[in-house]
């Protein structure tokens, strides 16, 4: 049985994966998609810590995202200005998304 803290962390990780797999066209939700992909794929210390607390290997979730997440052509059109805006912020300089995905949008 999970503790209250473990349940909350499970919900956070689940939401991040769901956000990363988002297939719709809402600009608001697409920004969450990008932030979730980056949080998971960059190996953010908080992400790794949450995985450790739940005894989950971070690479398990990262591989799921890498193999099961797509960015549709319609999403790419909407994402270009969102990504450009995010990349201008210090938070996103030299991050996983900028290095691995941005140039394909």
PDB file of N, CA and C in Angstrom:
ATOM      1  N   UNK A   1       0.842  -1.190   0.000  1.00  0.00           N
ATOM      2  CA  UNK A   1       0.000   0.000   0.000  1.00  0.00           C
ATOM      3  C   UNK A   1       0.885   1.252   0.000  1.00  0.00           C
ATOM      4  N   UNK A   2       0.522   2.210  -0.825  1.00  0.00           N
ATOM      5  CA  UNK A   2       1.321   3.430  -0.936  1.00  0.00           C
ATOM      6  C   UNK A   2       0.981   4.412   0.182  1.00  0.00           C
ATOM      7  N   UNK A   3       2.012   5.161   0.577  1.00  0.00           N
ATOM      8  CA  UNK A   3       1.788   6.247   1.531  1.00  0.00           C
ATOM      9  C   UNK A   3       1.145   7.408   0.778  1.00  0.00           C
ATOM     10  N   UNK A   4       0.684   8.393   1.515  1.00  0.00           N
ATOM     11  CA  UNK A   4       0.092   9.589   0.914  1.00  0.00           C
ATOM     12  C   UNK A   4       1.096  10.261  -0.020  1.00  0.00           C
ATOM     13  N   UNK A   5       2.352  10.360   0.404  1.00  0.00           N
ATOM     14  CA  UNK A   5       3.391  10.994  -0.409  1.00  0.00           C
ATOM     15  C   UNK A   5       3.637  10.211  -1.694  1.00  0.00           C
ATOM     16  N   UNK A   6       3.674   8.898  -1.591  1.00  0.00           N
ATOM     17  CA  UNK A   6       3.883   8.065  -2.781  1.00  0.00           C
ATOM     18  C   UNK A   6       2.721   8.197  -3.764  1.00  0.00           C
ATOM     19  N   UNK A   7       1.504   8.305  -3.227  1.00  0.00           N
ATOM     20  CA  UNK A   7       0.343   8.504  -4.103  1.00  0.00           C
ATOM     21  C   UNK A   7       0.442   9.833  -4.848  1.00  0.00           C
ATOM     22  N   UNK A   8       0.878  10.880  -4.154  1.00  0.00           N
ATOM     23  CA  UNK A   8       1.016  12.194  -4.801  1.00  0.00           C
ATOM     24  C   UNK A   8       2.094  12.161  -5.877  1.00  0.00           C
ATOM     25  N   UNK A   9       3.213  11.537  -5.584  1.00  0.00           N
ATOM     26  CA  UNK A   9       4.303  11.445  -6.557  1.00  0.00           C
ATOM     27  C   UNK A   9       3.860  10.604  -7.755  1.00  0.00           C
ATOM     28  N   UNK A  10       3.121   9.546  -7.507  1.00  0.00           N
ATOM     29  CA  UNK A  10       2.581   8.732  -8.599  1.00  0.00           C
ATOM     30  C   UNK A  10       1.692   9.576  -9.491  1.00  0.00           C
ATOM     31  N   UNK A  11       0.856  10.407  -8.894  1.00  0.00           N
ATOM     32  CA  UNK A  11      -0.036  11.284  -9.671  1.00  0.00           C
ATOM     33  C   UNK A  11       0.773  12.298 -10.496  1.00  0.00           C
ATOM     34  N   UNK A  12       1.834  12.819  -9.920  1.00  0.00           N
ATOM     35  CA  UNK A  12       2.676  13.792 -10.632  1.00  0.00           C
ATOM     36  C   UNK A  12       3.333  13.131 -11.849  1.00  0.00           C
ATOM     37  N   UNK A  13       3.923  11.965 -11.650  1.00  0.00           N
ATOM     38  CA  UNK A  13       4.580  11.268 -12.759  1.00  0.00           C
ATOM     39  C   UNK A  13       3.560  10.839 -13.820  1.00  0.00           C
ATOM     40  N   UNK A  14       2.408  10.368 -13.389  1.00  0.00           N
ATOM     41  CA  UNK A  14       1.360   9.964 -14.326  1.00  0.00           C
ATOM     42  C   UNK A  14       0.899  11.149 -15.159  1.00  0.00           C
ATOM     43  N   UNK A  15       0.711  12.290 -14.503  1.00  0.00           N
ATOM     44  CA  UNK A  15       0.273  13.491 -15.228  1.00  0.00           C
ATOM     45  C   UNK A  15       1.332  13.938 -16.229  1.00  0.00           C
ATOM     46  N   UNK A  16       2.599  13.848 -15.853  1.00  0.00           N
ATOM     47  CA  UNK A  16       3.678  14.238 -16.759  1.00  0.00           C
ATOM     48  C   UNK A  16       3.679  13.351 -18.008  1.00  0.00           C
ATOM     49  N   UNK A  17       3.486  12.059 -17.819  1.00  0.00           N
ATOM     50  CA  UNK A  17       3.449  11.141 -18.966  1.00  0.00           C
ATOM     51  C   UNK A  17       2.227  11.433 -19.830  1.00  0.00           C
ATOM     52  N   UNK A  18       1.077  11.653 -19.207  1.00  0.00           N
ATOM     53  CA  UNK A  18      -0.136  11.977 -19.963  1.00  0.00           C
ATOM     54  C   UNK A  18       0.037  13.283 -20.731  1.00  0.00           C
ATOM     55  N   UNK A  19       0.640  14.279 -20.109  1.00  0.00           N
ATOM     56  CA  UNK A  19       0.883  15.553 -20.786  1.00  0.00           C
ATOM     57  C   UNK A  19       1.821  15.356 -21.979  1.00  0.00           C
ATOM     58  N   UNK A  20       2.847  14.550 -21.810  1.00  0.00           N
ATOM     59  CA  UNK A  20       3.811  14.305 -22.890  1.00  0.00           C
ATOM     60  C   UNK A  20       3.152  13.614 -24.079  1.00  0.00           C
ATOM     61  N   UNK A  21       2.154  12.798 -23.826  1.00  0.00           N
ATOM     62  CA  UNK A  21       1.484  12.052 -24.891  1.00  0.00           C
ATOM     63  C   UNK A  21       0.285  12.799 -25.482  1.00  0.00           C
ATOM     64  N   UNK A  22       0.047  14.015 -25.057  1.00  0.00           N
ATOM     65  CA  UNK A  22      -1.093  14.805 -25.524  1.00  0.00           C
ATOM     66  C   UNK A  22      -1.117  14.871 -27.048  1.00  0.00           C
ATOM     67  N   UNK A  23      -2.293  14.655 -27.640  1.00  0.00           N
ATOM     68  CA  UNK A  23      -2.412  14.641 -29.097  1.00  0.00           C
ATOM     69  C   UNK A  23      -3.280  15.769 -29.648  1.00  0.00           C
ATOM     70  N   UNK A  24      -3.830  16.591 -28.776  1.00  0.00           N
ATOM     71  CA  UNK A  24      -4.726  17.653 -29.217  1.00  0.00           C
ATOM     72  C   UNK A  24      -3.995  18.885 -29.724  1.00  0.00           C
ATOM     73  N   UNK A  25      -4.757  19.978 -29.880  1.00  0.00           N
ATOM     74  CA  UNK A  25      -4.217  21.191 -30.484  1.00  0.00           C
ATOM     75  C   UNK A  25      -4.328  22.430 -29.597  1.00  0.00           C
ATOM     76  N   UNK A  26      -4.653  22.266 -28.342  1.00  0.00           N
ATOM     77  CA  UNK A  26      -4.719  23.400 -27.427  1.00  0.00           C
ATOM     78  C   UNK A  26      -3.309  23.923 -27.147  1.00  0.00           C
ATOM     79  N   UNK A  27      -3.105  25.218 -27.396  1.00  0.00           N
ATOM     80  CA  UNK A  27      -1.774  25.798 -27.160  1.00  0.00           C
ATOM     81  C   UNK A  27      -1.372  25.661 -25.702  1.00  0.00           C
ATOM     82  N   UNK A  28      -2.313  25.830 -24.811  1.00  0.00           N
ATOM     83  CA  UNK A  28      -2.048  25.695 -23.380  1.00  0.00           C
ATOM     84  C   UNK A  28      -1.532  24.287 -23.066  1.00  0.00           C
ATOM     85  N   UNK A  29      -2.233  23.279 -23.580  1.00  0.00           N
ATOM     86  CA  UNK A  29      -1.841  21.896 -23.317  1.00  0.00           C
ATOM     87  C   UNK A  29      -0.572  21.503 -24.066  1.00  0.00           C
ATOM     88  N   UNK A  30      -0.340  22.096 -25.238  1.00  0.00           N
ATOM     89  CA  UNK A  30       0.896  21.817 -25.966  1.00  0.00           C
ATOM     90  C   UNK A  30       2.117  22.337 -25.208  1.00  0.00           C
ATOM     91  N   UNK A  31       1.954  23.461 -24.531  1.00  0.00           N
ATOM     92  CA  UNK A  31       3.065  23.968 -23.716  1.00  0.00           C
ATOM     93  C   UNK A  31       3.372  22.979 -22.589  1.00  0.00           C
ATOM     94  N   UNK A  32       2.327  22.413 -21.998  1.00  0.00           N
ATOM     95  CA  UNK A  32       2.526  21.388 -20.965  1.00  0.00           C
ATOM     96  C   UNK A  32       3.180  20.144 -21.555  1.00  0.00           C
ATOM     97  N   UNK A  33       2.829  19.811 -22.794  1.00  0.00           N
ATOM     98  CA  UNK A  33       3.439  18.663 -23.465  1.00  0.00           C
ATOM     99  C   UNK A  33       4.948  18.864 -23.565  1.00  0.00           C
ATOM    100  N   UNK A  34       5.356  20.028 -24.036  1.00  0.00           N
ATOM    101  CA  UNK A  34       6.780  20.327 -24.197  1.00  0.00           C
ATOM    102  C   UNK A  34       7.486  20.321 -22.840  1.00  0.00           C
ATOM    103  N   UNK A  35       6.877  20.965 -21.845  1.00  0.00           N
ATOM    104  CA  UNK A  35       7.494  21.016 -20.522  1.00  0.00           C
ATOM    105  C   UNK A  35       7.623  19.617 -19.917  1.00  0.00           C
ATOM    106  N   UNK A  36       6.617  18.782 -20.118  1.00  0.00           N
ATOM    107  CA  UNK A  36       6.672  17.415 -19.577  1.00  0.00           C
ATOM    108  C   UNK A  36       7.739  16.582 -20.266  1.00  0.00           C
ATOM    109  N   UNK A  37       7.793  16.671 -21.594  1.00  0.00           N
ATOM    110  CA  UNK A  37       8.825  15.933 -22.328  1.00  0.00           C
ATOM    111  C   UNK A  37      10.204  16.361 -21.842  1.00  0.00           C
ATOM    112  N   UNK A  38      10.394  17.660 -21.723  1.00  0.00           N
ATOM    113  CA  UNK A  38      11.699  18.144 -21.275  1.00  0.00           C
ATOM    114  C   UNK A  38      12.015  17.694 -19.850  1.00  0.00           C
ATOM    115  N   UNK A  39      11.055  17.776 -18.962  1.00  0.00           N
ATOM    116  CA  UNK A  39      11.263  17.392 -17.563  1.00  0.00           C
ATOM    117  C   UNK A  39      11.681  15.930 -17.467  1.00  0.00           C
ATOM    118  N   UNK A  40      11.005  15.082 -18.233  1.00  0.00           N
ATOM    119  CA  UNK A  40      11.307  13.649 -18.192  1.00  0.00           C
ATOM    120  C   UNK A  40      12.612  13.335 -18.910  1.00  0.00           C
ATOM    121  N   UNK A  41      12.765  13.824 -20.123  1.00  0.00           N
ATOM    122  CA  UNK A  41      13.889  13.417 -20.966  1.00  0.00           C
ATOM    123  C   UNK A  41      15.216  14.051 -20.554  1.00  0.00           C
ATOM    124  N   UNK A  42      15.159  15.210 -19.900  1.00  0.00           N
ATOM    125  CA  UNK A  42      16.408  15.863 -19.491  1.00  0.00           C
ATOM    126  C   UNK A  42      16.997  15.228 -18.241  1.00  0.00           C
ATOM    127  N   UNK A  43      16.233  14.343 -17.615  1.00  0.00           N
ATOM    128  CA  UNK A  43      16.724  13.730 -16.382  1.00  0.00           C
ATOM    129  C   UNK A  43      16.767  14.736 -15.245  1.00  0.00           C
ATOM    130  N   UNK A  44      15.788  15.609 -15.232  1.00  0.00           N
ATOM    131  CA  UNK A  44      15.689  16.611 -14.177  1.00  0.00           C
ATOM    132  C   UNK A  44      15.883  15.945 -12.809  1.00  0.00           C
ATOM    133  N   UNK A  45      16.658  16.563 -11.916  1.00  0.00           N
ATOM    134  CA  UNK A  45      16.905  15.957 -10.592  1.00  0.00           C
ATOM    135  C   UNK A  45      15.616  15.630  -9.834  1.00  0.00           C
ATOM    136  N   UNK A  46      14.612  16.483  -9.947  1.00  0.00           N
ATOM    137  CA  UNK A  46      13.340  16.221  -9.259  1.00  0.00           C
ATOM    138  C   UNK A  46      12.665  14.972  -9.850  1.00  0.00           C
ATOM    139  N   UNK A  47      12.679  14.854 -11.175  1.00  0.00           N
ATOM    140  CA  UNK A  47      12.120  13.671 -11.836  1.00  0.00           C
ATOM    141  C   UNK A  47      12.841  12.409 -11.350  1.00  0.00           C
ATOM    142  N   UNK A  48      14.161  12.448 -11.331  1.00  0.00           N
ATOM    143  CA  UNK A  48      14.940  11.284 -10.880  1.00  0.00           C
ATOM    144  C   UNK A  48      14.637  10.948  -9.422  1.00  0.00           C
ATOM    145  N   UNK A  49      14.503  11.979  -8.603  1.00  0.00           N
ATOM    146  CA  UNK A  49      14.215  11.774  -7.182  1.00  0.00           C
ATOM    147  C   UNK A  49      12.844  11.113  -6.999  1.00  0.00           C
ATOM    148  N   UNK A  50      11.857  11.610  -7.743  1.00  0.00           N
ATOM    149  CA  UNK A  50      10.515  11.017  -7.648  1.00  0.00           C
ATOM    150  C   UNK A  50      10.545   9.554  -8.075  1.00  0.00           C
ATOM    151  N   UNK A  51      11.258   9.254  -9.154  1.00  0.00           N
ATOM    152  CA  UNK A  51      11.381   7.859  -9.602  1.00  0.00           C
ATOM    153  C   UNK A  51      12.029   7.004  -8.524  1.00  0.00           C
ATOM    154  N   UNK A  52      13.075   7.537  -7.916  1.00  0.00           N
ATOM    155  CA  UNK A  52      13.777   6.796  -6.872  1.00  0.00           C
ATOM    156  C   UNK A  52      12.847   6.501  -5.691  1.00  0.00           C
ATOM    157  N   UNK A  53      12.041   7.496  -5.305  1.00  0.00           N
ATOM    158  CA  UNK A  53      11.124   7.288  -4.187  1.00  0.00           C
ATOM    159  C   UNK A  53      10.108   6.195  -4.473  1.00  0.00           C
ATOM    160  N   UNK A  54       9.751   6.033  -5.750  1.00  0.00           N
ATOM    161  CA  UNK A  54       8.775   5.005  -6.127  1.00  0.00           C
ATOM    162  C   UNK A  54       9.439   3.718  -6.607  1.00  0.00           C
ATOM    163  N   UNK A  55      10.769   3.705  -6.542  1.00  0.00           N
ATOM    164  CA  UNK A  55      11.526   2.529  -6.963  1.00  0.00           C
ATOM    165  C   UNK A  55      11.287   2.218  -8.450  1.00  0.00           C
ATOM    166  N   UNK A  56      11.277   3.280  -9.256  1.00  0.00           N
ATOM    167  CA  UNK A  56      11.115   3.160 -10.710  1.00  0.00           C
ATOM    168  C   UNK A  56      12.406   3.645 -11.351  1.00  0.00           C
ATOM    169  N   UNK A  57      12.866   2.930 -12.329  1.00  0.00           N
ATOM    170  CA  UNK A  57      14.051   3.341 -13.075  1.00  0.00           C
ATOM    171  C   UNK A  57      13.645   4.488 -14.014  1.00  0.00           C
ATOM    172  N   UNK A  58      14.289   5.672 -13.904  1.00  0.00           N
ATOM    173  CA  UNK A  58      13.922   6.792 -14.784  1.00  0.00           C
ATOM    174  C   UNK A  58      13.946   6.420 -16.266  1.00  0.00           C
ATOM    175  N   UNK A  59      14.878   5.573 -16.659  1.00  0.00           N
ATOM    176  CA  UNK A  59      14.983   5.188 -18.072  1.00  0.00           C
ATOM    177  C   UNK A  59      13.740   4.440 -18.553  1.00  0.00           C
ATOM    178  N   UNK A  60      13.017   3.782 -17.660  1.00  0.00           N
ATOM    179  CA  UNK A  60      11.780   3.101 -18.040  1.00  0.00           C
ATOM    180  C   UNK A  60      10.769   4.115 -18.575  1.00  0.00           C
ATOM    181  N   UNK A  61      10.571   5.189 -17.829  1.00  0.00           N
ATOM    182  CA  UNK A  61       9.628   6.225 -18.253  1.00  0.00           C
ATOM    183  C   UNK A  61      10.180   6.959 -19.478  1.00  0.00           C
ATOM    184  N   UNK A  62      11.468   7.255 -19.479  1.00  0.00           N
ATOM    185  CA  UNK A  62      12.077   7.950 -20.613  1.00  0.00           C
ATOM    186  C   UNK A  62      11.928   7.149 -21.900  1.00  0.00           C
ATOM    187  N   UNK A  63      12.123   5.837 -21.838  1.00  0.00           N
ATOM    188  CA  UNK A  63      11.962   5.000 -23.023  1.00  0.00           C
ATOM    189  C   UNK A  63      10.515   4.961 -23.493  1.00  0.00           C
ATOM    190  N   UNK A  64       9.565   4.957 -22.557  1.00  0.00           N
ATOM    191  CA  UNK A  64       8.147   5.008 -22.922  1.00  0.00           C
ATOM    192  C   UNK A  64       7.849   6.300 -23.682  1.00  0.00           C
ATOM    193  N   UNK A  65       8.382   7.409 -23.178  1.00  0.00           N
ATOM    194  CA  UNK A  65       8.155   8.696 -23.833  1.00  0.00           C
ATOM    195  C   UNK A  65       8.820   8.710 -25.207  1.00  0.00           C
ATOM    196  N   UNK A  66      10.039   8.229 -25.264  1.00  0.00           N
ATOM    197  CA  UNK A  66      10.786   8.222 -26.527  1.00  0.00           C
ATOM    198  C   UNK A  66      10.078   7.377 -27.584  1.00  0.00           C
ATOM    199  N   UNK A  67       9.530   6.241 -27.185  1.00  0.00           N
ATOM    200  CA  UNK A  67       8.931   5.305 -28.140  1.00  0.00           C
ATOM    201  C   UNK A  67       7.446   5.548 -28.402  1.00  0.00           C
ATOM    202  N   UNK A  68       6.732   6.124 -27.456  1.00  0.00           N
ATOM    203  CA  UNK A  68       5.273   6.226 -27.573  1.00  0.00           C
ATOM    204  C   UNK A  68       4.753   7.640 -27.782  1.00  0.00           C
ATOM    205  N   UNK A  69       5.628   8.629 -27.836  1.00  0.00           N
ATOM    206  CA  UNK A  69       5.181  10.016 -27.932  1.00  0.00           C
ATOM    207  C   UNK A  69       5.484  10.560 -29.323  1.00  0.00           C
ATOM    208  N   UNK A  70       4.483  11.187 -29.910  1.00  0.00           N
ATOM    209  CA  UNK A  70       4.678  11.801 -31.223  1.00  0.00           C
ATOM    210  C   UNK A  70       4.233  13.256 -31.170  1.00  0.00           C
ATOM    211  N   UNK A  71       4.753  14.004 -32.115  1.00  0.00           N
ATOM    212  CA  UNK A  71       4.311  15.385 -32.315  1.00  0.00           C
ATOM    213  C   UNK A  71       3.762  15.428 -33.733  1.00  0.00           C
ATOM    214  N   UNK A  72       2.459  15.635 -33.837  1.00  0.00           N
ATOM    215  CA  UNK A  72       1.808  15.616 -35.146  1.00  0.00           C
ATOM    216  C   UNK A  72       2.193  16.842 -35.965  1.00  0.00           C
ATOM    217  N   UNK A  73       1.941  16.788 -37.254  1.00  0.00           N
ATOM    218  CA  UNK A  73       2.257  17.929 -38.119  1.00  0.00           C
ATOM    219  C   UNK A  73       1.434  19.150 -37.715  1.00  0.00           C
ATOM    220  N   UNK A  74       0.189  18.935 -37.295  1.00  0.00           N
ATOM    221  CA  UNK A  74      -0.631  20.059 -36.838  1.00  0.00           C
ATOM    222  C   UNK A  74      -0.059  20.655 -35.553  1.00  0.00           C
ATOM    223  N   UNK A  75       0.402  19.800 -34.653  1.00  0.00           N
ATOM    224  CA  UNK A  75       1.007  20.285 -33.419  1.00  0.00           C
ATOM    225  C   UNK A  75       2.285  21.060 -33.722  1.00  0.00           C
ATOM    226  N   UNK A  76       3.076  20.583 -34.679  1.00  0.00           N
ATOM    227  CA  UNK A  76       4.322  21.264 -35.029  1.00  0.00           C
ATOM    228  C   UNK A  76       4.068  22.701 -35.446  1.00  0.00           C
ATOM    229  N   UNK A  77       3.020  22.913 -36.221  1.00  0.00           N
ATOM    230  CA  UNK A  77       2.699  24.276 -36.668  1.00  0.00           C
ATOM    231  C   UNK A  77       2.381  25.176 -35.480  1.00  0.00           C
ATOM    232  N   UNK A  78       1.649  24.656 -34.519  1.00  0.00           N
ATOM    233  CA  UNK A  78       1.287  25.433 -33.338  1.00  0.00           C
ATOM    234  C   UNK A  78       2.443  25.562 -32.351  1.00  0.00           C
ATOM    235  N   UNK A  79       3.322  24.578 -32.346  1.00  0.00           N
ATOM    236  CA  UNK A  79       4.414  24.552 -31.371  1.00  0.00           C
ATOM    237  C   UNK A  79       5.546  25.520 -31.697  1.00  0.00           C
ATOM    238  N   UNK A  80       5.744  25.827 -32.955  1.00  0.00           N
ATOM    239  CA  UNK A  80       6.891  26.655 -33.325  1.00  0.00           C
ATOM    240  C   UNK A  80       6.976  27.932 -32.490  1.00  0.00           C
ATOM    241  N   UNK A  81       5.930  28.779 -32.417  1.00  0.00           N
ATOM    242  CA  UNK A  81       6.055  29.987 -31.582  1.00  0.00           C
ATOM    243  C   UNK A  81       6.159  29.682 -30.088  1.00  0.00           C
ATOM    244  N   UNK A  82       5.526  28.606 -29.645  1.00  0.00           N
ATOM    245  CA  UNK A  82       5.599  28.228 -28.232  1.00  0.00           C
ATOM    246  C   UNK A  82       7.032  27.835 -27.883  1.00  0.00           C
ATOM    247  N   UNK A  83       7.643  27.018 -28.728  1.00  0.00           N
ATOM    248  CA  UNK A  83       9.010  26.567 -28.485  1.00  0.00           C
ATOM    249  C   UNK A  83       9.984  27.742 -28.550  1.00  0.00           C
ATOM    250  N   UNK A  84       9.808  28.620 -29.532  1.00  0.00           N
ATOM    251  CA  UNK A  84      10.689  29.794 -29.637  1.00  0.00           C
ATOM    252  C   UNK A  84      10.622  30.635 -28.363  1.00  0.00           C
ATOM    253  N   UNK A  85       9.426  30.818 -27.838  1.00  0.00           N
ATOM    254  CA  UNK A  85       9.243  31.583 -26.595  1.00  0.00           C
ATOM    255  C   UNK A  85       9.928  30.871 -25.418  1.00  0.00           C
ATOM    256  N   UNK A  86       9.706  29.571 -25.308  1.00  0.00           N
ATOM    257  CA  UNK A  86      10.305  28.819 -24.208  1.00  0.00           C
ATOM    258  C   UNK A  86      11.827  28.818 -24.279  1.00  0.00           C
ATOM    259  N   UNK A  87      12.366  28.712 -25.483  1.00  0.00           N
ATOM    260  CA  UNK A  87      13.815  28.653 -25.631  1.00  0.00           C
ATOM    261  C   UNK A  87      14.499  29.961 -25.270  1.00  0.00           C
ATOM    262  N   UNK A  88      13.748  31.060 -25.320  1.00  0.00           N
ATOM    263  CA  UNK A  88      14.315  32.354 -24.939  1.00  0.00           C
ATOM    264  C   UNK A  88      14.461  32.482 -23.423  1.00  0.00           C
ATOM    265  N   UNK A  89      13.723  31.670 -22.686  1.00  0.00           N
ATOM    266  CA  UNK A  89      13.826  31.733 -21.229  1.00  0.00           C
ATOM    267  C   UNK A  89      15.049  30.947 -20.778  1.00  0.00           C
ATOM    268  N   UNK A  90      15.683  31.395 -19.705  1.00  0.00           N
ATOM    269  CA  UNK A  90      16.874  30.725 -19.175  1.00  0.00           C
ATOM    270  C   UNK A  90      16.591  29.267 -18.838  1.00  0.00           C
ATOM    271  N   UNK A  91      15.385  28.988 -18.410  1.00  0.00           N
ATOM    272  CA  UNK A  91      14.988  27.650 -17.998  1.00  0.00           C
ATOM    273  C   UNK A  91      15.200  26.622 -19.115  1.00  0.00           C
ATOM    274  N   UNK A  92      15.108  27.062 -20.360  1.00  0.00           N
ATOM    275  CA  UNK A  92      15.159  26.119 -21.469  1.00  0.00           C
ATOM    276  C   UNK A  92      16.434  26.190 -22.291  1.00  0.00           C
ATOM    277  N   UNK A  93      17.394  26.929 -21.882  1.00  0.00           N
ATOM    278  CA  UNK A  93      18.647  26.977 -22.634  1.00  0.00           C
ATOM    279  C   UNK A  93      19.431  25.702 -22.366  1.00  0.00           C
ATOM    280  N   UNK A  94      19.944  25.106 -23.405  1.00  0.00           N
ATOM    281  CA  UNK A  94      20.726  23.863 -23.327  1.00  0.00           C
ATOM    282  C   UNK A  94      19.946  22.719 -22.687  1.00  0.00           C
ATOM    283  N   UNK A  95      18.656  22.640 -22.961  1.00  0.00           N
ATOM    284  CA  UNK A  95      17.891  21.541 -22.392  1.00  0.00           C
ATOM    285  C   UNK A  95      17.671  20.446 -23.418  1.00  0.00           C
ATOM    286  N   UNK A  96      17.127  19.338 -22.969  1.00  0.00           N
ATOM    287  CA  UNK A  96      16.934  18.181 -23.832  1.00  0.00           C
ATOM    288  C   UNK A  96      16.075  18.519 -25.030  1.00  0.00           C
ATOM    289  N   UNK A  97      14.973  19.198 -24.812  1.00  0.00           N
ATOM    290  CA  UNK A  97      14.059  19.495 -25.918  1.00  0.00           C
ATOM    291  C   UNK A  97      14.724  20.354 -26.968  1.00  0.00           C
ATOM    292  N   UNK A  98      15.429  21.370 -26.538  1.00  0.00           N
ATOM    293  CA  UNK A  98      16.101  22.274 -27.485  1.00  0.00           C
ATOM    294  C   UNK A  98      17.133  21.524 -28.319  1.00  0.00           C
ATOM    295  N   UNK A  99      17.837  20.624 -27.701  1.00  0.00           N
ATOM    296  CA  UNK A  99      18.897  19.897 -28.389  1.00  0.00           C
ATOM    297  C   UNK A  99      18.360  18.811 -29.316  1.00  0.00           C
ATOM    298  N   UNK A 100      17.297  18.127 -28.909  1.00  0.00           N
ATOM    299  CA  UNK A 100      16.848  16.937 -29.633  1.00  0.00           C
ATOM    300  C   UNK A 100      15.615  17.111 -30.506  1.00  0.00           C
ATOM    301  N   UNK A 101      14.798  18.107 -30.254  1.00  0.00           N
ATOM    302  CA  UNK A 101      13.522  18.177 -30.968  1.00  0.00           C
ATOM    303  C   UNK A 101      13.320  19.488 -31.697  1.00  0.00           C
ATOM    304  N   UNK A 102      13.705  20.586 -31.125  1.00  0.00           N
ATOM    305  CA  UNK A 102      13.359  21.911 -31.640  1.00  0.00           C
ATOM    306  C   UNK A 102      13.666  22.080 -33.111  1.00  0.00           C
ATOM    307  N   UNK A 103      14.813  21.604 -33.571  1.00  0.00           N
ATOM    308  CA  UNK A 103      15.180  21.832 -34.962  1.00  0.00           C
ATOM    309  C   UNK A 103      14.268  21.095 -35.937  1.00  0.00           C
ATOM    310  N   UNK A 104      13.491  20.124 -35.470  1.00  0.00           N
ATOM    311  CA  UNK A 104      12.573  19.383 -36.339  1.00  0.00           C
ATOM    312  C   UNK A 104      11.213  20.031 -36.413  1.00  0.00           C
ATOM    313  N   UNK A 105      10.967  21.063 -35.641  1.00  0.00           N
ATOM    314  CA  UNK A 105       9.655  21.724 -35.650  1.00  0.00           C
ATOM    315  C   UNK A 105       9.646  22.842 -36.647  1.00  0.00           C
TER     316      UNK A 105
END
